Protein backbone atom coordinates (compact mmCIF):
# COMPACT_ATOMS: atom_id res chain seq x y z
CA MET A 1 102.42 90.42 119.89
CA LYS A 2 103.10 91.53 116.30
CA ARG A 3 105.29 89.57 114.35
CA SER A 4 107.42 90.75 111.41
CA ILE A 5 107.41 88.97 107.93
CA SER A 6 111.01 90.31 107.50
CA LEU A 7 112.15 88.90 110.84
CA ARG A 8 110.48 85.58 109.81
CA LEU A 9 111.75 85.12 106.61
CA SER A 10 115.04 85.93 107.62
CA ALA A 11 115.11 82.92 110.15
CA MET A 12 113.64 80.87 107.58
CA PHE A 13 116.64 81.93 105.43
CA ALA A 14 119.02 81.10 108.25
CA ALA A 15 117.27 77.83 109.14
CA VAL A 16 117.18 75.95 105.20
CA SER A 17 120.75 77.43 105.34
CA LEU A 18 121.65 75.62 108.36
CA ILE A 19 120.74 72.54 106.92
CA VAL A 20 121.92 72.69 103.64
CA PHE A 21 125.54 73.71 105.10
CA THR A 22 125.00 71.02 107.10
CA LEU A 23 124.28 68.22 104.85
CA THR A 24 126.71 69.63 102.46
CA GLY A 25 129.29 69.63 105.28
CA ALA A 26 128.35 65.97 106.50
CA GLY A 27 128.52 64.89 102.76
CA LEU A 28 131.63 66.63 102.79
CA PHE A 29 133.35 64.97 106.08
CA PHE A 30 132.07 61.32 105.24
CA LEU A 31 133.87 61.80 101.81
CA MET A 32 137.49 62.94 103.30
CA GLN A 33 137.02 60.39 105.91
CA ARG A 34 136.64 57.68 102.78
CA GLN A 35 139.33 59.06 101.33
CA LEU A 36 141.78 59.26 103.97
CA PHE A 37 141.13 55.40 105.16
CA ASN A 38 141.24 54.48 101.89
CA GLU A 39 144.96 55.89 101.33
CA LEU A 40 145.36 54.30 104.53
CA ARG A 41 144.40 50.97 104.03
CA GLU A 42 146.49 51.17 100.55
CA THR A 43 149.69 51.77 102.21
CA LEU A 44 148.83 49.14 104.77
CA ASP A 45 148.11 46.65 101.54
CA THR A 46 151.40 47.66 100.11
CA ARG A 47 153.68 47.58 104.04
CA ALA A 48 151.83 44.03 104.19
CA ARG A 49 152.57 42.82 100.84
CA ILE A 50 156.32 43.99 101.07
CA ALA A 51 156.43 42.33 104.22
CA SER A 52 154.76 38.92 103.06
CA LEU A 53 157.44 39.02 100.33
CA ILE A 54 160.49 38.97 102.97
CA ILE A 55 158.45 36.22 105.03
CA SER A 56 158.37 34.32 101.56
CA HIS A 57 161.95 34.46 101.09
CA ALA A 58 162.85 33.01 104.23
CA PRO A 59 162.22 28.76 104.19
CA ASP A 60 164.75 28.32 107.49
CA VAL A 61 165.47 29.76 110.30
CA GLN A 62 168.71 31.11 109.34
CA LYS A 63 167.32 33.38 107.06
CA TRP A 64 164.65 34.12 109.52
CA ALA A 65 166.23 35.87 111.37
CA PHE A 66 167.05 38.40 108.75
CA VAL A 67 163.17 38.26 108.16
CA GLN A 68 162.92 40.17 111.77
CA GLU A 69 165.81 42.31 111.19
CA LYS A 70 164.05 43.58 108.24
CA LEU A 71 160.69 43.51 109.61
CA ARG A 72 162.08 45.51 112.79
CA ASP A 73 163.21 48.33 109.92
CA LEU A 74 160.09 48.82 108.20
CA SER A 75 158.47 49.01 112.48
CA PRO A 76 159.17 53.17 112.48
CA ALA A 77 160.25 54.54 115.98
CA ASP A 78 157.20 56.19 116.43
CA SER A 79 155.12 52.54 116.68
CA ARG A 80 152.75 53.64 114.32
CA MET A 81 153.19 50.60 112.13
CA HIS A 82 152.61 47.09 113.96
CA TYR A 83 153.91 43.76 112.73
CA TYR A 84 152.98 40.66 113.94
CA VAL A 85 153.61 37.10 112.70
CA GLU A 86 152.08 33.73 114.03
CA GLY A 87 152.79 29.88 113.28
CA PRO A 88 152.80 26.67 114.79
CA ASP A 89 156.61 26.77 114.94
CA PRO A 90 157.74 29.33 117.57
CA ARG A 91 161.14 29.57 116.12
CA PHE A 92 158.99 31.41 112.70
CA ARG A 93 157.37 34.02 114.77
CA PHE A 94 157.33 37.85 115.26
CA GLY A 95 156.36 40.67 117.63
CA THR A 96 153.20 40.51 119.85
CA PRO A 97 149.80 40.52 118.99
CA ILE A 98 147.21 43.46 118.61
CA VAL A 99 144.54 43.44 120.99
CA GLY A 100 141.72 44.97 121.82
CA LYS A 101 138.31 45.67 120.76
CA ILE A 102 136.68 45.55 117.15
CA THR A 103 135.13 48.58 116.75
CA GLY A 104 134.54 48.26 112.95
CA ASP A 105 134.98 47.24 109.08
CA VAL A 106 136.48 49.64 106.71
CA GLY A 107 136.94 47.02 103.58
CA PRO A 108 137.12 43.91 103.02
CA ASN A 109 139.92 42.59 105.23
CA HIS A 110 140.21 45.39 107.20
CA VAL A 111 139.35 45.66 110.57
CA LEU A 112 139.55 48.47 113.57
CA VAL A 113 140.60 47.64 116.39
CA ARG A 114 140.35 49.61 119.80
CA PRO A 115 143.87 48.61 122.12
CA PRO A 116 142.80 48.97 125.91
CA GLY A 117 143.38 52.42 127.37
CA CYS A 118 143.67 54.33 123.92
CA SER A 119 141.95 56.39 122.40
CA TYR A 120 142.33 55.84 118.78
CA ASP A 121 141.89 52.62 116.87
CA ILE A 122 144.35 50.68 114.95
CA ILE A 123 143.55 49.45 111.51
CA THR A 124 144.80 45.59 111.06
CA THR A 125 145.23 43.57 107.80
CA THR A 126 146.00 40.01 107.83
CA PHE A 127 147.68 37.78 104.93
CA ILE A 128 148.30 34.17 105.15
CA VAL A 129 152.19 33.33 103.87
CA PRO A 130 152.15 30.08 102.42
CA ALA A 131 154.59 27.06 103.63
CA SER A 132 158.16 26.61 102.29
CA GLY A 133 161.25 24.60 103.21
CA ASP A 134 161.47 24.36 107.34
CA ARG A 135 159.27 27.45 107.88
CA PRO A 136 155.43 26.31 108.29
CA GLN A 137 152.53 28.29 107.04
CA VAL A 138 152.51 31.64 109.01
CA LYS A 139 149.70 34.53 109.75
CA LEU A 140 151.21 38.11 109.10
CA VAL A 141 149.14 40.47 110.74
CA VAL A 142 150.35 44.39 110.18
CA GLY A 143 148.70 47.31 111.87
CA SER A 144 148.61 50.79 112.08
CA ASP A 145 147.39 53.92 114.51
CA CYS A 146 144.57 56.11 113.11
CA VAL A 147 146.38 59.22 115.72
CA ARG A 148 147.02 61.05 112.32
CA THR A 149 143.84 60.24 110.57
CA GLU A 150 141.65 60.75 113.45
CA GLY A 151 142.90 63.99 114.30
CA MET A 152 142.91 65.15 110.75
CA LEU A 153 139.07 64.21 110.53
CA ARG A 154 138.66 65.73 114.26
CA ARG A 155 139.84 68.89 112.90
CA PHE A 156 138.21 69.06 109.87
CA GLY A 157 134.87 68.20 111.72
CA ILE A 158 135.43 71.19 114.31
CA ALA A 159 136.80 73.24 111.01
CA LEU A 160 133.30 73.07 109.07
CA GLY A 161 131.33 73.14 112.35
CA VAL A 162 132.93 76.68 112.26
CA LEU A 163 132.11 77.54 109.11
CA ILE A 164 128.38 76.17 109.02
CA ALA A 165 127.66 78.20 112.09
CA LEU A 166 129.94 81.41 110.36
CA SER A 167 128.05 81.12 107.24
CA THR A 168 124.61 80.33 109.04
CA ILE A 169 124.72 83.72 110.59
CA ALA A 170 126.09 85.55 107.53
CA VAL A 171 122.95 83.90 105.77
CA ALA A 172 120.79 85.43 108.63
CA LEU A 173 122.11 89.40 108.21
CA LEU A 174 122.05 89.16 104.52
CA SER A 175 118.49 87.96 104.70
CA ARG A 176 117.68 90.09 106.92
CA ALA A 177 119.05 93.10 104.56
CA VAL A 178 117.36 91.38 101.24
CA THR A 179 114.38 90.83 102.41
CA ARG A 180 113.98 94.22 104.21
CA PHE A 181 114.88 95.39 100.43
CA GLY A 182 112.54 93.21 98.50
CA LEU A 183 109.28 93.98 101.47
CA ALA A 184 110.25 97.51 100.48
CA PRO A 185 107.17 98.22 97.88
CA LEU A 186 104.94 96.63 100.94
CA THR A 187 106.21 99.03 102.90
CA ARG A 188 105.39 101.96 100.68
CA LEU A 189 102.32 100.69 100.18
CA SER A 190 101.34 100.69 103.81
CA ARG A 191 102.40 104.30 104.36
CA GLU A 192 100.71 104.94 101.14
CA ALA A 193 97.62 103.03 102.78
CA SER A 194 97.69 104.61 106.31
CA GLN A 195 97.68 108.02 104.19
CA LEU A 196 94.06 107.26 102.54
CA SER A 197 92.16 110.44 103.74
CA PRO A 198 87.71 110.55 103.78
CA LEU A 199 88.55 113.91 102.61
CA ASN A 200 89.63 112.32 99.23
CA ARG A 201 87.29 109.77 98.55
CA ARG A 202 88.83 109.84 95.16
CA GLN A 203 92.34 108.65 96.30
CA ARG A 204 93.33 104.79 95.36
CA LEU A 205 96.43 103.04 95.93
CA HIS A 206 99.52 103.17 93.07
CA ALA A 207 99.70 99.63 91.40
CA ASP A 208 101.91 100.41 88.61
CA GLU A 209 105.70 100.10 89.94
CA LEU A 210 104.42 97.32 92.35
CA PRO A 211 105.54 93.69 92.04
CA GLU A 212 103.37 90.86 90.84
CA GLU A 213 102.21 89.52 93.81
CA LEU A 214 101.29 92.87 95.39
CA HIS A 215 99.84 94.24 92.21
CA GLU A 216 96.70 91.74 92.33
CA LEU A 217 96.07 92.89 96.17
CA THR A 218 96.43 96.49 95.44
CA THR A 219 94.15 96.42 92.43
CA SER A 220 91.37 94.18 95.10
CA PHE A 221 91.60 96.96 97.30
CA ASN A 222 91.23 100.19 94.96
CA GLY A 223 88.13 97.88 93.81
CA ALA A 224 86.81 98.06 97.00
CA LEU A 225 87.20 101.42 97.69
CA GLU A 226 86.07 101.63 94.27
CA ARG A 227 82.73 100.08 95.76
CA LEU A 228 82.77 101.53 98.95
CA ASP A 229 83.05 105.18 97.11
CA LYS A 230 80.26 104.04 95.25
CA ALA A 231 77.75 102.61 97.86
CA TYR A 232 78.78 106.29 99.54
CA GLU A 233 77.79 108.38 96.09
CA ARG A 234 74.72 106.21 96.68
CA LEU A 235 74.04 106.87 100.34
CA GLU A 236 74.33 110.55 100.05
CA SER A 237 72.05 110.58 96.81
CA PHE A 238 69.60 108.87 98.72
CA ASN A 239 69.79 110.50 101.50
CA ALA A 240 69.12 114.01 99.30
CA ASP A 241 66.46 112.51 97.79
CA VAL A 242 64.57 111.69 100.73
CA ALA A 243 65.32 115.06 102.53
CA HIS A 244 63.96 116.29 99.08
CA GLU A 245 60.83 114.12 98.85
CA LEU A 246 60.33 115.07 102.21
CA ARG A 247 60.73 118.00 102.46
CA THR A 248 57.55 118.98 99.66
CA PRO A 249 55.01 117.10 101.84
CA VAL A 250 56.25 118.47 105.02
CA SER A 251 56.01 122.35 103.81
CA ILE A 252 52.62 121.85 102.55
CA LEU A 253 51.42 120.62 105.97
CA ILE A 254 53.28 123.47 107.74
CA GLY A 255 51.86 126.20 105.50
CA GLN A 256 48.22 124.86 105.22
CA THR A 257 48.44 124.48 109.33
CA GLN A 258 50.21 128.09 109.50
CA VAL A 259 46.96 129.64 107.10
CA ALA A 260 44.38 127.52 108.54
CA LEU A 261 45.69 129.67 112.73
CA THR A 262 45.79 132.99 110.54
CA ARG A 263 42.11 133.37 111.28
CA ASP A 264 39.14 132.16 112.39
CA ARG A 265 37.96 128.72 109.90
CA SER A 266 34.00 127.44 109.50
CA VAL A 267 34.22 123.69 110.47
CA GLU A 268 33.77 122.80 106.70
CA GLN A 269 37.13 124.78 106.09
CA LEU A 270 38.94 123.12 109.22
CA GLN A 271 37.44 119.82 107.82
CA GLN A 272 38.83 120.57 104.42
CA THR A 273 42.07 121.47 105.88
CA LEU A 274 42.26 118.19 107.72
CA GLN A 275 41.94 116.22 104.61
CA SER A 276 44.17 117.65 102.58
CA ASN A 277 46.52 117.48 105.48
CA LEU A 278 45.38 113.56 105.40
CA GLU A 279 46.59 113.23 101.87
CA GLU A 280 50.09 114.33 102.76
CA PHE A 281 50.40 112.10 105.91
CA GLU A 282 49.25 109.73 103.71
CA ARG A 283 52.29 110.08 100.97
CA LEU A 284 54.55 110.65 103.70
CA ARG A 285 53.58 107.52 105.11
CA VAL A 286 53.79 105.59 101.48
CA ILE A 287 57.26 107.07 101.79
CA VAL A 288 58.52 106.25 105.07
CA ASN A 289 57.07 102.17 104.10
CA ASP A 290 58.75 102.34 100.75
CA MET A 291 62.08 103.20 102.11
CA LEU A 292 61.88 100.49 105.20
CA PHE A 293 60.83 97.56 103.16
CA LEU A 294 63.79 98.95 100.62
CA SER A 295 66.24 99.42 103.98
CA ARG A 296 64.87 95.41 105.01
CA SER A 297 66.16 94.48 101.27
CA ASP A 298 69.20 95.96 101.53
CA ARG A 299 70.02 93.81 104.67
CA GLY A 300 69.51 90.54 102.41
CA GLU A 301 66.23 89.73 103.59
CA ARG A 302 65.03 86.86 101.89
CA ALA A 303 61.07 86.45 101.04
CA THR A 304 59.22 83.80 103.13
CA ASP A 305 55.65 82.28 103.20
CA LEU A 306 56.66 80.98 99.39
CA THR A 307 54.10 79.74 97.19
CA GLU A 308 53.38 77.38 94.49
CA VAL A 309 51.38 79.19 91.81
CA SER A 310 50.58 80.03 88.81
CA LEU A 311 52.25 83.86 87.64
CA ARG A 312 49.58 84.32 85.11
CA SER A 313 46.87 84.01 87.41
CA GLU A 314 48.24 86.31 89.85
CA ILE A 315 49.33 89.02 86.98
CA GLU A 316 45.63 88.91 86.07
CA ARG A 317 44.25 89.17 90.18
CA MET A 318 46.17 92.34 90.22
CA LEU A 319 44.82 93.28 86.83
CA ASP A 320 41.31 93.19 88.52
CA PHE A 321 42.60 96.01 91.19
CA LEU A 322 43.65 97.83 88.23
CA GLU A 323 40.91 97.95 86.46
CA MET A 324 39.83 101.75 86.62
CA PRO A 325 43.02 103.11 86.50
CA LEU A 326 43.30 101.13 83.07
CA GLU A 327 40.22 102.46 82.08
CA GLU A 328 40.16 106.21 83.31
CA ALA A 329 44.01 105.92 81.19
CA GLN A 330 41.91 104.29 78.72
CA LEU A 331 44.21 101.05 78.05
CA ARG A 332 43.98 97.65 77.17
CA VAL A 333 45.94 94.57 78.76
CA GLU A 334 46.94 91.25 76.97
CA VAL A 335 48.48 88.67 78.98
CA GLN A 336 50.79 86.06 77.38
CA GLY A 337 52.83 83.43 78.85
CA GLU A 338 52.65 80.56 81.72
CA ALA A 339 54.89 79.79 84.50
CA ARG A 340 54.68 78.31 88.06
CA ALA A 341 57.22 79.30 90.57
CA TRP A 342 57.62 79.78 94.53
CA VAL A 343 57.00 82.85 95.39
CA ASN A 344 55.45 85.32 98.09
CA THR A 345 52.27 86.50 96.70
CA SER A 346 52.13 89.67 98.33
CA LEU A 347 55.83 90.89 96.90
CA ILE A 348 54.84 89.38 93.39
CA GLY A 349 51.80 91.47 93.34
CA ARG A 350 53.19 94.46 94.64
CA ALA A 351 56.03 94.39 92.21
CA VAL A 352 53.69 93.51 89.01
CA SER A 353 51.21 96.56 90.47
CA ASN A 354 53.94 99.15 90.26
CA LEU A 355 55.63 97.72 86.57
CA PHE A 356 51.78 98.10 85.35
CA VAL A 357 51.14 101.79 87.19
CA ASN A 358 54.68 102.34 85.64
CA ALA A 359 53.56 101.56 81.95
CA ILE A 360 50.34 103.37 83.01
CA GLN A 361 52.18 106.36 83.68
CA HIS A 362 53.95 106.49 80.41
CA SER A 363 51.20 105.10 77.94
CA GLN A 364 49.07 107.42 75.52
CA PRO A 365 45.26 106.61 75.36
CA GLY A 366 43.77 103.92 72.98
CA THR A 367 47.02 101.86 73.33
CA THR A 368 47.95 98.46 74.36
CA LEU A 369 49.80 97.03 77.37
CA ARG A 370 51.71 93.85 77.12
CA ALA A 371 52.23 91.65 80.27
CA THR A 372 54.23 88.77 79.73
CA VAL A 373 55.49 85.23 81.65
CA ALA A 374 58.75 83.52 79.96
CA PRO A 375 60.60 80.77 82.06
CA GLN A 376 64.49 80.93 81.50
CA ASN A 377 66.59 78.47 82.83
CA GLY A 378 65.80 77.91 86.30
CA HIS A 379 64.18 81.67 86.45
CA VAL A 380 60.92 83.09 85.49
CA GLU A 381 60.73 86.58 83.63
CA ILE A 382 57.75 88.55 84.38
CA ALA A 383 57.64 91.68 82.13
CA VAL A 384 55.16 94.54 80.65
CA SER A 385 55.81 96.00 77.76
CA ASN A 386 54.02 99.83 76.83
CA PRO A 387 54.52 101.64 73.72
CA GLY A 388 56.27 105.15 74.28
CA GLU A 389 59.50 106.63 72.97
CA PRO A 390 62.98 105.22 73.09
CA LEU A 391 64.60 105.26 76.03
CA ASP A 392 68.97 106.31 76.13
CA PRO A 393 71.61 104.08 77.84
CA VAL A 394 71.63 106.63 80.48
CA THR A 395 67.50 106.36 81.35
CA ARG A 396 67.73 102.98 81.16
CA GLU A 397 71.37 102.33 83.43
CA HIS A 398 69.49 104.33 86.38
CA ILE A 399 65.57 103.84 85.68
CA PHE A 400 65.86 101.21 88.90
CA ASP A 401 67.44 103.62 91.16
CA ARG A 402 65.48 104.96 94.08
CA PHE A 403 64.24 108.22 93.56
CA TYR A 404 65.06 108.59 90.02
CA ARG A 405 62.15 109.54 87.62
CA ILE A 406 62.75 110.17 83.90
CA GLN A 407 62.08 114.19 83.11
CA GLU A 408 58.21 113.48 81.45
CA ALA A 409 57.23 111.75 85.34
CA ARG A 410 58.65 115.13 87.53
CA SER A 411 55.63 116.89 86.51
CA ASN A 412 53.48 113.76 88.11
CA SER A 413 55.77 113.73 90.97
CA HIS A 414 53.20 114.11 93.55
CA GLU A 415 51.60 110.62 92.74
CA ASN A 416 55.07 109.50 91.92
CA HIS A 417 57.66 109.59 94.64
CA GLY A 418 60.48 107.56 92.35
CA LEU A 419 60.30 104.20 94.74
CA GLY A 420 58.21 101.93 92.44
CA LEU A 421 60.66 100.65 90.32
CA SER A 422 63.43 100.31 93.10
CA ILE A 423 60.62 98.15 94.86
CA VAL A 424 60.43 95.55 91.84
CA LYS A 425 64.05 95.39 91.97
CA ALA A 426 64.19 94.43 95.87
CA VAL A 427 61.14 92.50 94.82
CA ALA A 428 63.44 89.98 92.54
CA GLU A 429 66.32 90.13 94.69
CA MET A 430 64.06 88.83 97.39
CA HIS A 431 63.06 85.53 95.25
CA GLY A 432 66.66 85.24 93.82
CA GLY A 433 66.35 87.18 90.67
CA THR A 434 67.19 90.39 88.54
CA VAL A 435 65.61 93.19 86.63
CA PHE A 436 66.20 94.15 83.16
CA VAL A 437 65.14 96.83 80.60
CA ARG A 438 64.35 96.96 77.10
CA SER A 439 64.13 99.77 74.73
CA ALA A 440 63.01 98.75 70.61
CA ASP A 441 60.75 99.05 68.27
CA GLY A 442 58.67 101.99 69.95
CA VAL A 443 58.23 99.89 73.01
CA ASN A 444 60.05 99.92 76.30
CA THR A 445 59.38 96.94 78.42
CA PHE A 446 60.23 96.66 82.13
CA GLY A 447 60.62 93.21 84.11
CA PHE A 448 61.58 91.05 87.22
CA SER A 449 62.94 87.15 87.06
CA VAL A 450 62.12 85.05 90.10
CA ALA A 451 64.01 81.85 90.54
CA VAL A 452 61.38 79.40 89.65
CA ASP A 453 62.38 76.71 93.30
CA GLY A 454 62.67 80.00 95.34
CA VAL A 455 66.12 78.60 96.50
CA ASP A 456 68.75 79.89 94.05
CA ALA A 457 69.21 83.14 95.80
CA PRO A 458 71.58 82.63 98.54
CA GLU A 459 69.62 83.20 102.27
CA ALA A 460 70.47 85.77 104.76
CA PRO A 461 70.75 84.78 108.37
CA VAL A 462 67.34 86.21 109.43
CA ALA A 463 64.19 83.68 111.24
CA GLY A 464 61.74 82.69 109.36
CA ILE A 465 62.87 82.20 105.79
CA SER A 466 60.66 78.92 104.56
CA ARG A 467 58.23 78.32 101.94
CA GLN A 468 54.80 77.33 102.62
CA GLY A 469 53.86 74.94 105.38
CA ARG A 470 57.35 75.23 107.64
CA ALA A 471 57.14 77.99 109.66
CA GLY A 472 57.76 81.70 108.72
CA LEU A 473 57.59 85.41 109.45
CA PRO A 474 56.31 87.14 106.11
CA LEU A 475 57.88 90.55 105.30
CA HIS A 476 56.16 93.29 105.84
CA VAL A 477 54.32 94.69 102.54
CA SER A 478 53.59 98.18 102.69
CA PRO A 479 50.59 99.83 100.77
C-alpha cells in the first residue's frame, strides 16, 4: 500500500496540534479551577470571620439567641451556606454538623467533604472562638457547597474538549491543503521526471526554482543522469570502435578467401593464403581477448595471486623480452628507482610491456627511453618516458580511452588496435592505482600506480581474491 506524504504530514500536524491544544486546555482548566476555588475560599473566610465576630459579642445566653438569629439570616434560602457551632455547653450550640467523606484539601484549614447521597462537595473552614463571659470556647464550622463551581468547571471542560476537537479537525484540514501546496514542487518534479525520455538523453530536471531540500536531490539526480549519459556515449563509441576494428580483418579474410576460390591455386599459393588468414585470425584473437579482459575489469575484478616483488626487477625482466624490438628501433633504455609491492606479476608485466611498446612506436631512432619506479604515499608509480612531440590537452585526456590512437599512430593501425594503454589503465585499477600522462620539455611520460600492500582499493565480490600463499584464481592474461 502506497503511503501519501501529504496525508502523513497532515496526520502528524493534527496529532501535534491535538497534543498542544490538550495541554493548553488542561492548563486553562486547572487555572480556572484554582481561581474559582480561591474566590470560594475568600468568600467562605469572609463569612466565617463575620460569624466569629458575632459569636464573640455574645458572652451570655440572652445574647446567644441574637447570635442564632443572625446566623439564620446569614444562611441563604437555597442552603448553600452552612453554619455549625459546637461547644461543651449545649446552650451555646447552633446548626447541624457537616458529615461526609473528606475528598481533599483546597488550602490551609479548608477541606472538601462529600455528604452522603450528594453528587457535589462542600468546602468547609473551621474557626475557634475564645470563651467570653458565660460562653465557653466554641468551634465554628462554616461550609459552602460547590454545586455552581463544579457545574461551571464541568461546562468549561466540555467546552474546552469541543473546541480542542474542532480545532484539531480544522488543523488537519488546513494542514492537508498546506502540505499539498508545500509539496507542489515535488509533484512538479515527479511529473517532470516521468517525462524523461531515452530519445533525449540531454534532458535534465530543472532545479533552479526548487526549494533547497529538493535542489540538492535534483542536482544529484541530474549528476547521475550525466554519468549515465557519458557511460552510454562511451558504450556507443566502444561498440562503433569494436565494429570498425573487427571489420578490417574480417573484410581481409573474406576478400582473400574469395580470391582464392575464383580459380585453381597451387598448394604453395593456398599455404600463403592460409598464412595470411592466420595472421588476421591472430589479430582477431588478440582484439577479442583484450576486449574480454577490459570487460572483466569493468565488472570490478581485482588482481589475485599477489606476490611481493621488486618492481625494478620486473621491468628489467620485461626488457629482456623486448630486446629485439628495441634493437630494431635503435633505442636504449635506462631504469631508475626501486620499490617493492604486492602485485600480480603477469598483469604488471603486460602493463609495462604495453608502455614500452607505446614508447617504441612514438620514438625516433637513436633516442633513449627512461623507465622509473617511485614510491608515492602508499603507492608505487611506474612510468616510461620517451622524447617526442608535446601532447595537447585533448590527447592527454583521452589517451587511455579504448581504441584511441593519435594521428601519427593510425598509419600503423594494423599492429596497433588502440587497446594497449586501456589495458594499462585496467591493470592499474585492478591493483588499486591510477594512470597518468605528462608532457613537458619534449618528453612524454606514460605511467600507472599500484598499491604497495595490494589492498588499498575496495575488492569486488569475486572468488579468489588473495595474496600469494592463499587460495585464489588468477585473472586470465591474454597474449
